[in-house]
PDB file of N, CA and C in Angstrom:
ATOM      1  N   MET A   1      -8.422 -13.493   3.064  1.00  0.00           N
ATOM      2  CA  MET A   1      -7.604 -12.380   2.635  1.00  0.00           C
ATOM      3  C   MET A   1      -8.185 -11.825   1.355  1.00  0.00           C
ATOM      4  N   SER A   2      -8.221 -10.514   1.262  1.00  0.00           N
ATOM      5  CA  SER A   2      -8.730  -9.891   0.049  1.00  0.00           C
ATOM      6  C   SER A   2      -8.148  -8.500  -0.103  1.00  0.00           C
ATOM      7  N   LEU A   3      -8.301  -7.993  -1.284  1.00  0.00           N
ATOM      8  CA  LEU A   3      -7.786  -6.675  -1.609  1.00  0.00           C
ATOM      9  C   LEU A   3      -8.868  -5.927  -2.370  1.00  0.00           C
ATOM     10  N   THR A   4      -9.125  -4.688  -1.968  1.00  0.00           N
ATOM     11  CA  THR A   4     -10.068  -3.847  -2.698  1.00  0.00           C
ATOM     12  C   THR A   4      -9.394  -2.516  -2.983  1.00  0.00           C
ATOM     13  N   LYS A   5      -9.790  -1.908  -4.089  1.00  0.00           N
ATOM     14  CA  LYS A   5      -9.242  -0.580  -4.390  1.00  0.00           C
ATOM     15  C   LYS A   5     -10.398   0.343  -4.694  1.00  0.00           C
ATOM     16  N   SER A   6     -10.190   1.614  -4.358  1.00  0.00           N
ATOM     17  CA  SER A   6     -11.210   2.619  -4.633  1.00  0.00           C
ATOM     18  C   SER A   6     -10.530   3.937  -4.956  1.00  0.00           C
ATOM     19  N   LEU A   7     -11.204   4.697  -5.780  1.00  0.00           N
ATOM     20  CA  LEU A   7     -10.704   6.004  -6.202  1.00  0.00           C
ATOM     21  C   LEU A   7     -11.608   7.070  -5.606  1.00  0.00           C
ATOM     22  N   SER A   8     -11.029   8.137  -5.088  1.00  0.00           N
ATOM     23  CA  SER A   8     -11.852   9.219  -4.531  1.00  0.00           C
ATOM     24  C   SER A   8     -12.693   9.835  -5.639  1.00  0.00           C
ATOM     25  N   VAL A   9     -13.740  10.542  -5.259  1.00  0.00           N
ATOM     26  CA  VAL A   9     -14.667  11.124  -6.226  1.00  0.00           C
ATOM     27  C   VAL A   9     -13.951  12.021  -7.228  1.00  0.00           C
ATOM     28  N   ASP A  10     -13.001  12.817  -6.757  1.00  0.00           N
ATOM     29  CA  ASP A  10     -12.273  13.711  -7.674  1.00  0.00           C
ATOM     30  C   ASP A  10     -11.110  13.019  -8.379  1.00  0.00           C
ATOM     31  N   GLY A  11     -10.876  11.749  -8.046  1.00  0.00           N
ATOM     32  CA  GLY A  11      -9.834  10.987  -8.715  1.00  0.00           C
ATOM     33  C   GLY A  11      -8.417  11.245  -8.220  1.00  0.00           C
ATOM     34  N   SER A  12      -8.275  12.047  -7.171  1.00  0.00           N
ATOM     35  CA  SER A  12      -6.933  12.420  -6.722  1.00  0.00           C
ATOM     36  C   SER A  12      -6.292  11.391  -5.791  1.00  0.00           C
ATOM     37  N   THR A  13      -7.101  10.515  -5.184  1.00  0.00           N
ATOM     38  CA  THR A  13      -6.576   9.558  -4.210  1.00  0.00           C
ATOM     39  C   THR A  13      -7.029   8.145  -4.535  1.00  0.00           C
ATOM     40  N   LEU A  14      -6.059   7.246  -4.658  1.00  0.00           N
ATOM     41  CA  LEU A  14      -6.315   5.817  -4.836  1.00  0.00           C
ATOM     42  C   LEU A  14      -6.074   5.145  -3.498  1.00  0.00           C
ATOM     43  N   THR A  15      -7.070   4.398  -3.008  1.00  0.00           N
ATOM     44  CA  THR A  15      -6.919   3.669  -1.753  1.00  0.00           C
ATOM     45  C   THR A  15      -6.956   2.179  -2.053  1.00  0.00           C
ATOM     46  N   ILE A  16      -5.944   1.469  -1.550  1.00  0.00           N
ATOM     47  CA  ILE A  16      -5.871   0.026  -1.676  1.00  0.00           C
ATOM     48  C   ILE A  16      -5.992  -0.537  -0.263  1.00  0.00           C
ATOM     49  N   GLN A  17      -7.050  -1.303  -0.025  1.00  0.00           N
ATOM     50  CA  GLN A  17      -7.282  -1.850   1.311  1.00  0.00           C
ATOM     51  C   GLN A  17      -7.024  -3.352   1.302  1.00  0.00           C
ATOM     52  N   ILE A  18      -6.234  -3.795   2.281  1.00  0.00           N
ATOM     53  CA  ILE A  18      -5.885  -5.206   2.410  1.00  0.00           C
ATOM     54  C   ILE A  18      -6.611  -5.757   3.633  1.00  0.00           C
ATOM     55  N   LYS A  19      -7.316  -6.870   3.445  1.00  0.00           N
ATOM     56  CA  LYS A  19      -8.006  -7.510   4.569  1.00  0.00           C
ATOM     57  C   LYS A  19      -7.389  -8.879   4.816  1.00  0.00           C
ATOM     58  N   GLY A  20      -7.096  -9.167   6.060  1.00  0.00           N
ATOM     59  CA  GLY A  20      -6.522 -10.473   6.402  1.00  0.00           C
ATOM     60  C   GLY A  20      -5.018 -10.464   6.253  1.00  0.00           C
ATOM     61  N   LYS A  21      -4.494 -11.448   5.518  1.00  0.00           N
ATOM     62  CA  LYS A  21      -3.048 -11.588   5.367  1.00  0.00           C
ATOM     63  C   LYS A  21      -2.537 -10.837   4.146  1.00  0.00           C
ATOM     64  N   PHE A  22      -1.463 -10.085   4.334  1.00  0.00           N
ATOM     65  CA  PHE A  22      -0.773  -9.393   3.248  1.00  0.00           C
ATOM     66  C   PHE A  22       0.487 -10.221   2.983  1.00  0.00           C
ATOM     67  N   ASP A  23       0.372 -11.155   2.039  1.00  0.00           N
ATOM     68  CA  ASP A  23       1.500 -12.047   1.763  1.00  0.00           C
ATOM     69  C   ASP A  23       1.590 -12.366   0.269  1.00  0.00           C
ATOM     70  N   PHE A  24       2.399 -13.343  -0.065  1.00  0.00           N
ATOM     71  CA  PHE A  24       2.701 -13.675  -1.446  1.00  0.00           C
ATOM     72  C   PHE A  24       1.450 -13.966  -2.292  1.00  0.00           C
ATOM     73  N   ASN A  25       0.394 -14.436  -1.681  1.00  0.00           N
ATOM     74  CA  ASN A  25      -0.831 -14.748  -2.405  1.00  0.00           C
ATOM     75  C   ASN A  25      -1.481 -13.523  -3.038  1.00  0.00           C
ATOM     76  N   LEU A  26      -1.093 -12.329  -2.605  1.00  0.00           N
ATOM     77  CA  LEU A  26      -1.687 -11.095  -3.141  1.00  0.00           C
ATOM     78  C   LEU A  26      -0.824 -10.420  -4.210  1.00  0.00           C
ATOM     79  N   VAL A  27       0.268 -11.038  -4.607  1.00  0.00           N
ATOM     80  CA  VAL A  27       1.197 -10.389  -5.541  1.00  0.00           C
ATOM     81  C   VAL A  27       0.478  -9.872  -6.786  1.00  0.00           C
ATOM     82  N   GLN A  28      -0.235 -10.731  -7.476  1.00  0.00           N
ATOM     83  CA  GLN A  28      -0.880 -10.336  -8.735  1.00  0.00           C
ATOM     84  C   GLN A  28      -1.942  -9.257  -8.526  1.00  0.00           C
ATOM     85  N   SER A  29      -2.838  -9.464  -7.571  1.00  0.00           N
ATOM     86  CA  SER A  29      -3.917  -8.490  -7.365  1.00  0.00           C
ATOM     87  C   SER A  29      -3.373  -7.163  -6.851  1.00  0.00           C
ATOM     88  N   PHE A  30      -2.319  -7.187  -6.023  1.00  0.00           N
ATOM     89  CA  PHE A  30      -1.741  -5.934  -5.541  1.00  0.00           C
ATOM     90  C   PHE A  30      -1.117  -5.164  -6.701  1.00  0.00           C
ATOM     91  N   ARG A  31      -0.398  -5.859  -7.549  1.00  0.00           N
ATOM     92  CA  ARG A  31       0.237  -5.217  -8.700  1.00  0.00           C
ATOM     93  C   ARG A  31      -0.829  -4.624  -9.639  1.00  0.00           C
ATOM     94  N   GLN A  32      -1.908  -5.350  -9.860  1.00  0.00           N
ATOM     95  CA  GLN A  32      -2.989  -4.860 -10.725  1.00  0.00           C
ATOM     96  C   GLN A  32      -3.690  -3.647 -10.129  1.00  0.00           C
ATOM     97  N   ALA A  33      -3.731  -3.570  -8.803  1.00  0.00           N
ATOM     98  CA  ALA A  33      -4.432  -2.468  -8.140  1.00  0.00           C
ATOM     99  C   ALA A  33      -3.803  -1.110  -8.456  1.00  0.00           C
ATOM    100  N   TYR A  34      -2.490  -1.069  -8.648  1.00  0.00           N
ATOM    101  CA  TYR A  34      -1.843   0.214  -8.937  1.00  0.00           C
ATOM    102  C   TYR A  34      -1.305   0.293 -10.352  1.00  0.00           C
ATOM    103  N   ALA A  35      -1.565  -0.705 -11.176  1.00  0.00           N
ATOM    104  CA  ALA A  35      -0.974  -0.773 -12.518  1.00  0.00           C
ATOM    105  C   ALA A  35      -1.371   0.393 -13.419  1.00  0.00           C
ATOM    106  N   GLN A  36      -2.616   0.817 -13.348  1.00  0.00           N
ATOM    107  CA  GLN A  36      -3.069   1.893 -14.220  1.00  0.00           C
ATOM    108  C   GLN A  36      -3.596   3.040 -13.375  1.00  0.00           C
ATOM    109  N   ILE A  37      -2.706   3.926 -13.027  1.00  0.00           N
ATOM    110  CA  ILE A  37      -3.068   5.079 -12.197  1.00  0.00           C
ATOM    111  C   ILE A  37      -3.554   6.210 -13.095  1.00  0.00           C
ATOM    112  N   GLU A  38      -4.661   6.804 -12.696  1.00  0.00           N
ATOM    113  CA  GLU A  38      -5.212   7.929 -13.448  1.00  0.00           C
ATOM    114  C   GLU A  38      -4.222   9.102 -13.423  1.00  0.00           C
ATOM    115  N   PRO A  39      -4.179   9.893 -14.501  1.00  0.00           N
ATOM    116  CA  PRO A  39      -3.210  11.007 -14.572  1.00  0.00           C
ATOM    117  C   PRO A  39      -3.356  12.034 -13.438  1.00  0.00           C
ATOM    118  N   ASN A  40      -4.591  12.243 -12.946  1.00  0.00           N
ATOM    119  CA  ASN A  40      -4.770  13.256 -11.894  1.00  0.00           C
ATOM    120  C   ASN A  40      -4.696  12.667 -10.482  1.00  0.00           C
ATOM    121  N   THR A  41      -4.346  11.391 -10.354  1.00  0.00           N
ATOM    122  CA  THR A  41      -4.164  10.788  -9.023  1.00  0.00           C
ATOM    123  C   THR A  41      -2.797  11.177  -8.504  1.00  0.00           C
ATOM    124  N   ASN A  42      -2.792  11.840  -7.321  1.00  0.00           N
ATOM    125  CA  ASN A  42      -1.512  12.276  -6.769  1.00  0.00           C
ATOM    126  C   ASN A  42      -1.203  11.661  -5.409  1.00  0.00           C
ATOM    127  N   LYS A  43      -2.108  10.798  -4.920  1.00  0.00           N
ATOM    128  CA  LYS A  43      -1.863  10.172  -3.613  1.00  0.00           C
ATOM    129  C   LYS A  43      -2.370   8.726  -3.648  1.00  0.00           C
ATOM    130  N   VAL A  44      -1.558   7.829  -3.100  1.00  0.00           N
ATOM    131  CA  VAL A  44      -1.941   6.424  -2.967  1.00  0.00           C
ATOM    132  C   VAL A  44      -1.892   6.082  -1.484  1.00  0.00           C
ATOM    133  N   ILE A  45      -2.990   5.508  -0.985  1.00  0.00           N
ATOM    134  CA  ILE A  45      -3.066   5.087   0.418  1.00  0.00           C
ATOM    135  C   ILE A  45      -3.174   3.574   0.461  1.00  0.00           C
ATOM    136  N   ILE A  46      -2.287   2.948   1.210  1.00  0.00           N
ATOM    137  CA  ILE A  46      -2.386   1.519   1.484  1.00  0.00           C
ATOM    138  C   ILE A  46      -3.017   1.411   2.868  1.00  0.00           C
ATOM    139  N   ASP A  47      -4.267   0.984   2.909  1.00  0.00           N
ATOM    140  CA  ASP A  47      -5.022   0.925   4.165  1.00  0.00           C
ATOM    141  C   ASP A  47      -4.896  -0.467   4.777  1.00  0.00           C
ATOM    142  N   LEU A  48      -4.227  -0.539   5.929  1.00  0.00           N
ATOM    143  CA  LEU A  48      -4.001  -1.813   6.607  1.00  0.00           C
ATOM    144  C   LEU A  48      -4.890  -1.981   7.835  1.00  0.00           C
ATOM    145  N   ARG A  49      -5.989  -1.265   7.865  1.00  0.00           N
ATOM    146  CA  ARG A  49      -6.926  -1.300   8.999  1.00  0.00           C
ATOM    147  C   ARG A  49      -7.342  -2.733   9.354  1.00  0.00           C
ATOM    148  N   GLU A  50      -7.610  -3.562   8.341  1.00  0.00           N
ATOM    149  CA  GLU A  50      -8.096  -4.920   8.582  1.00  0.00           C
ATOM    150  C   GLU A  50      -7.041  -5.982   8.240  1.00  0.00           C
ATOM    151  N   THR A  51      -5.771  -5.567   8.240  1.00  0.00           N
ATOM    152  CA  THR A  51      -4.676  -6.497   7.950  1.00  0.00           C
ATOM    153  C   THR A  51      -4.116  -7.010   9.260  1.00  0.00           C
ATOM    154  N   ASP A  52      -4.052  -8.321   9.401  1.00  0.00           N
ATOM    155  CA  ASP A  52      -3.553  -8.874  10.666  1.00  0.00           C
ATOM    156  C   ASP A  52      -2.222  -9.591  10.527  1.00  0.00           C
ATOM    157  N   TYR A  53      -1.684  -9.672   9.306  1.00  0.00           N
ATOM    158  CA  TYR A  53      -0.418 -10.378   9.092  1.00  0.00           C
ATOM    159  C   TYR A  53       0.279  -9.793   7.873  1.00  0.00           C
ATOM    160  N   MET A  54       1.582  -9.663   7.971  1.00  0.00           N
ATOM    161  CA  MET A  54       2.379  -9.152   6.851  1.00  0.00           C
ATOM    162  C   MET A  54       3.709  -9.889   6.870  1.00  0.00           C
ATOM    163  N   ASP A  55       4.156 -10.368   5.697  1.00  0.00           N
ATOM    164  CA  ASP A  55       5.450 -11.037   5.658  1.00  0.00           C
ATOM    165  C   ASP A  55       6.409 -10.286   4.751  1.00  0.00           C
ATOM    166  N   SER A  56       7.581 -10.875   4.523  1.00  0.00           N
ATOM    167  CA  SER A  56       8.611 -10.182   3.738  1.00  0.00           C
ATOM    168  C   SER A  56       8.185  -9.957   2.288  1.00  0.00           C
ATOM    169  N   SER A  57       7.341 -10.817   1.750  1.00  0.00           N
ATOM    170  CA  SER A  57       6.876 -10.581   0.381  1.00  0.00           C
ATOM    171  C   SER A  57       6.006  -9.328   0.305  1.00  0.00           C
ATOM    172  N   ALA A  58       5.275  -9.031   1.373  1.00  0.00           N
ATOM    173  CA  ALA A  58       4.479  -7.797   1.412  1.00  0.00           C
ATOM    174  C   ALA A  58       5.392  -6.573   1.388  1.00  0.00           C
ATOM    175  N   LEU A  59       6.501  -6.656   2.119  1.00  0.00           N
ATOM    176  CA  LEU A  59       7.466  -5.559   2.108  1.00  0.00           C
ATOM    177  C   LEU A  59       8.026  -5.371   0.703  1.00  0.00           C
ATOM    178  N   GLY A  60       8.331  -6.464   0.046  1.00  0.00           N
ATOM    179  CA  GLY A  60       8.819  -6.402  -1.325  1.00  0.00           C
ATOM    180  C   GLY A  60       7.796  -5.804  -2.273  1.00  0.00           C
ATOM    181  N   MET A  61       6.526  -6.159  -2.098  1.00  0.00           N
ATOM    182  CA  MET A  61       5.462  -5.597  -2.941  1.00  0.00           C
ATOM    183  C   MET A  61       5.350  -4.085  -2.746  1.00  0.00           C
ATOM    184  N   LEU A  62       5.482  -3.636  -1.504  1.00  0.00           N
ATOM    185  CA  LEU A  62       5.419  -2.204  -1.240  1.00  0.00           C
ATOM    186  C   LEU A  62       6.579  -1.470  -1.906  1.00  0.00           C
ATOM    187  N   LEU A  63       7.768  -2.055  -1.830  1.00  0.00           N
ATOM    188  CA  LEU A  63       8.933  -1.436  -2.479  1.00  0.00           C
ATOM    189  C   LEU A  63       8.782  -1.399  -3.995  1.00  0.00           C
ATOM    190  N   ASN A  64       8.299  -2.497  -4.570  1.00  0.00           N
ATOM    191  CA  ASN A  64       8.084  -2.519  -6.028  1.00  0.00           C
ATOM    192  C   ASN A  64       7.052  -1.482  -6.447  1.00  0.00           C
ATOM    193  N   MET A  65       5.984  -1.350  -5.648  1.00  0.00           N
ATOM    194  CA  MET A  65       4.970  -0.348  -5.953  1.00  0.00           C
ATOM    195  C   MET A  65       5.587   1.046  -5.931  1.00  0.00           C
ATOM    196  N   LYS A  66       6.360   1.330  -4.893  1.00  0.00           N
ATOM    197  CA  LYS A  66       6.982   2.659  -4.782  1.00  0.00           C
ATOM    198  C   LYS A  66       7.856   2.937  -5.981  1.00  0.00           C
ATOM    199  N   LYS A  67       8.669   1.970  -6.371  1.00  0.00           N
ATOM    200  CA  LYS A  67       9.570   2.138  -7.506  1.00  0.00           C
ATOM    201  C   LYS A  67       8.780   2.380  -8.803  1.00  0.00           C
ATOM    202  N   THR A  68       7.653   1.694  -8.944  1.00  0.00           N
ATOM    203  CA  THR A  68       6.851   1.792 -10.157  1.00  0.00           C
ATOM    204  C   THR A  68       6.097   3.111 -10.270  1.00  0.00           C
ATOM    205  N   ILE A  69       5.528   3.595  -9.156  1.00  0.00           N
ATOM    206  CA  ILE A  69       4.621   4.755  -9.248  1.00  0.00           C
ATOM    207  C   ILE A  69       5.151   6.057  -8.667  1.00  0.00           C
ATOM    208  N   GLU A  70       6.341   6.053  -8.064  1.00  0.00           N
ATOM    209  CA  GLU A  70       6.786   7.274  -7.378  1.00  0.00           C
ATOM    210  C   GLU A  70       6.922   8.476  -8.309  1.00  0.00           C
ATOM    211  N   SER A  71       7.125   8.247  -9.593  1.00  0.00           N
ATOM    212  CA  SER A  71       7.227   9.377 -10.526  1.00  0.00           C
ATOM    213  C   SER A  71       5.844   9.900 -10.925  1.00  0.00           C
ATOM    214  N   GLN A  72       4.782   9.157 -10.626  1.00  0.00           N
ATOM    215  CA  GLN A  72       3.432   9.538 -11.019  1.00  0.00           C
ATOM    216  C   GLN A  72       2.642  10.199  -9.904  1.00  0.00           C
ATOM    217  N   VAL A  73       2.979   9.893  -8.653  1.00  0.00           N
ATOM    218  CA  VAL A  73       2.210  10.422  -7.521  1.00  0.00           C
ATOM    219  C   VAL A  73       3.123  11.197  -6.572  1.00  0.00           C
ATOM    220  N   GLN A  74       2.500  12.087  -5.797  1.00  0.00           N
ATOM    221  CA  GLN A  74       3.274  12.888  -4.847  1.00  0.00           C
ATOM    222  C   GLN A  74       3.470  12.152  -3.519  1.00  0.00           C
ATOM    223  N   THR A  75       2.445  11.401  -3.085  1.00  0.00           N
ATOM    224  CA  THR A  75       2.472  10.797  -1.758  1.00  0.00           C
ATOM    225  C   THR A  75       2.045   9.343  -1.811  1.00  0.00           C
ATOM    226  N   ILE A  76       2.790   8.502  -1.114  1.00  0.00           N
ATOM    227  CA  ILE A  76       2.386   7.119  -0.889  1.00  0.00           C
ATOM    228  C   ILE A  76       2.321   6.938   0.619  1.00  0.00           C
ATOM    229  N   GLU A  77       1.133   6.629   1.110  1.00  0.00           N
ATOM    230  CA  GLU A  77       0.905   6.574   2.558  1.00  0.00           C
ATOM    231  C   GLU A  77       0.453   5.180   2.968  1.00  0.00           C
ATOM    232  N   ILE A  78       1.007   4.689   4.058  1.00  0.00           N
ATOM    233  CA  ILE A  78       0.533   3.452   4.655  1.00  0.00           C
ATOM    234  C   ILE A  78      -0.234   3.845   5.910  1.00  0.00           C
ATOM    235  N   SER A  79      -1.521   3.509   5.953  1.00  0.00           N
ATOM    236  CA  SER A  79      -2.338   4.025   7.052  1.00  0.00           C
ATOM    237  C   SER A  79      -3.039   2.909   7.834  1.00  0.00           C
ATOM    238  N   ASN A  80      -3.458   3.282   9.027  1.00  0.00           N
ATOM    239  CA  ASN A  80      -4.246   2.426   9.921  1.00  0.00           C
ATOM    240  C   ASN A  80      -3.563   1.104  10.262  1.00  0.00           C
ATOM    241  N   CYS A  81      -2.252   1.159  10.521  1.00  0.00           N
ATOM    242  CA  CYS A  81      -1.498  -0.052  10.853  1.00  0.00           C
ATOM    243  C   CYS A  81      -1.832  -0.555  12.253  1.00  0.00           C
ATOM    244  N   GLN A  82      -1.962  -1.854  12.358  1.00  0.00           N
ATOM    245  CA  GLN A  82      -2.018  -2.478  13.682  1.00  0.00           C
ATOM    246  C   GLN A  82      -0.630  -2.306  14.318  1.00  0.00           C
ATOM    247  N   PRO A  83      -0.540  -2.277  15.655  1.00  0.00           N
ATOM    248  CA  PRO A  83       0.775  -2.069  16.293  1.00  0.00           C
ATOM    249  C   PRO A  83       1.860  -3.035  15.843  1.00  0.00           C
ATOM    250  N   GLN A  84       1.510  -4.325  15.681  1.00  0.00           N
ATOM    251  CA  GLN A  84       2.527  -5.304  15.289  1.00  0.00           C
ATOM    252  C   GLN A  84       3.016  -5.039  13.853  1.00  0.00           C
ATOM    253  N   LEU A  85       2.142  -4.562  12.977  1.00  0.00           N
ATOM    254  CA  LEU A  85       2.554  -4.254  11.605  1.00  0.00           C
ATOM    255  C   LEU A  85       3.398  -2.993  11.562  1.00  0.00           C
ATOM    256  N   LYS A  86       3.020  -2.020  12.375  1.00  0.00           N
ATOM    257  CA  LYS A  86       3.795  -0.783  12.430  1.00  0.00           C
ATOM    258  C   LYS A  86       5.226  -1.080  12.894  1.00  0.00           C
ATOM    259  N   LYS A  87       5.353  -2.006  13.827  1.00  0.00           N
ATOM    260  CA  LYS A  87       6.668  -2.381  14.327  1.00  0.00           C
ATOM    261  C   LYS A  87       7.503  -3.024  13.222  1.00  0.00           C
ATOM    262  N   ILE A  88       6.894  -3.908  12.438  1.00  0.00           N
ATOM    263  CA  ILE A  88       7.598  -4.531  11.308  1.00  0.00           C
ATOM    264  C   ILE A  88       8.070  -3.458  10.332  1.00  0.00           C
ATOM    265  N   LEU A  89       7.200  -2.510  10.027  1.00  0.00           N
ATOM    266  CA  LEU A  89       7.552  -1.443   9.090  1.00  0.00           C
ATOM    267  C   LEU A  89       8.688  -0.569   9.630  1.00  0.00           C
ATOM    268  N   GLN A  90       8.663  -0.288  10.925  1.00  0.00           N
ATOM    269  CA  GLN A  90       9.715   0.534  11.510  1.00  0.00           C
ATOM    270  C   GLN A  90      11.044  -0.208  11.577  1.00  0.00           C
ATOM    271  N   ILE A  91      11.018  -1.485  11.936  1.00  0.00           N
ATOM    272  CA  ILE A  91      12.243  -2.282  11.984  1.00  0.00           C
ATOM    273  C   ILE A  91      12.869  -2.363  10.592  1.00  0.00           C
ATOM    274  N   SER A  92      12.012  -2.451   9.585  1.00  0.00           N
ATOM    275  CA  SER A  92      12.475  -2.526   8.190  1.00  0.00           C
ATOM    276  C   SER A  92      12.806  -1.147   7.615  1.00  0.00           C
ATOM    277  N   ARG A  93      12.659  -0.117   8.437  1.00  0.00           N
ATOM    278  CA  ARG A  93      12.949   1.277   8.068  1.00  0.00           C
ATOM    279  C   ARG A  93      12.055   1.808   6.945  1.00  0.00           C
ATOM    280  N   PHE A  94      10.857   1.259   6.852  1.00  0.00           N
ATOM    281  CA  PHE A  94       9.911   1.737   5.862  1.00  0.00           C
ATOM    282  C   PHE A  94       9.386   3.122   6.208  1.00  0.00           C
ATOM    283  N   ASP A  95       9.527   3.517   7.483  1.00  0.00           N
ATOM    284  CA  ASP A  95       9.108   4.862   7.865  1.00  0.00           C
ATOM    285  C   ASP A  95       9.982   5.927   7.211  1.00  0.00           C
ATOM    286  N   LYS A  96      11.120   5.528   6.656  1.00  0.00           N
ATOM    287  CA  LYS A  96      11.999   6.464   5.926  1.00  0.00           C
ATOM    288  C   LYS A  96      11.584   6.583   4.461  1.00  0.00           C
ATOM    289  N   LYS A  97      10.829   5.586   3.960  1.00  0.00           N
ATOM    290  CA  LYS A  97      10.449   5.545   2.553  1.00  0.00           C
ATOM    291  C   LYS A  97       8.986   5.924   2.310  1.00  0.00           C
ATOM    292  N   PHE A  98       8.136   5.715   3.320  1.00  0.00           N
ATOM    293  CA  PHE A  98       6.702   5.960   3.187  1.00  0.00           C
ATOM    294  C   PHE A  98       6.207   6.829   4.331  1.00  0.00           C
ATOM    295  N   ASP A  99       5.085   7.506   4.098  1.00  0.00           N
ATOM    296  CA  ASP A  99       4.378   8.164   5.187  1.00  0.00           C
ATOM    297  C   ASP A  99       3.550   7.080   5.881  1.00  0.00           C
ATOM    298  N   ILE A 100       3.789   6.896   7.185  1.00  0.00           N
ATOM    299  CA  ILE A 100       3.071   5.854   7.926  1.00  0.00           C
ATOM    300  C   ILE A 100       2.280   6.510   9.052  1.00  0.00           C
ATOM    301  N   ASN A 101       0.957   6.271   9.078  1.00  0.00           N
ATOM    302  CA  ASN A 101       0.140   6.771  10.185  1.00  0.00           C
ATOM    303  C   ASN A 101      -0.879   5.741  10.583  1.00  0.00           C
TER     304      ASN A 101
END
């Protein structure tokens, strides 16, 4: 399991990519990934393309992130979900809080 973050060339989009398990072991690194958002960053993408597992602590981390940065960015998007992860997000009604594609 690992987490990487990258900023678009113009600085407008921060992408946080999770590989493997998205669980309690990533709390510190996930929090650090969005802790210092550049002033001109207006979109955050959580890329779950290579994420194969997500538990309730991951849902909590997403909610904490939203609460922390929603006043700084216009869009928080969860992208490239595996079908089983998308189902977890929909059951938890995260599709009402985040853009999910």
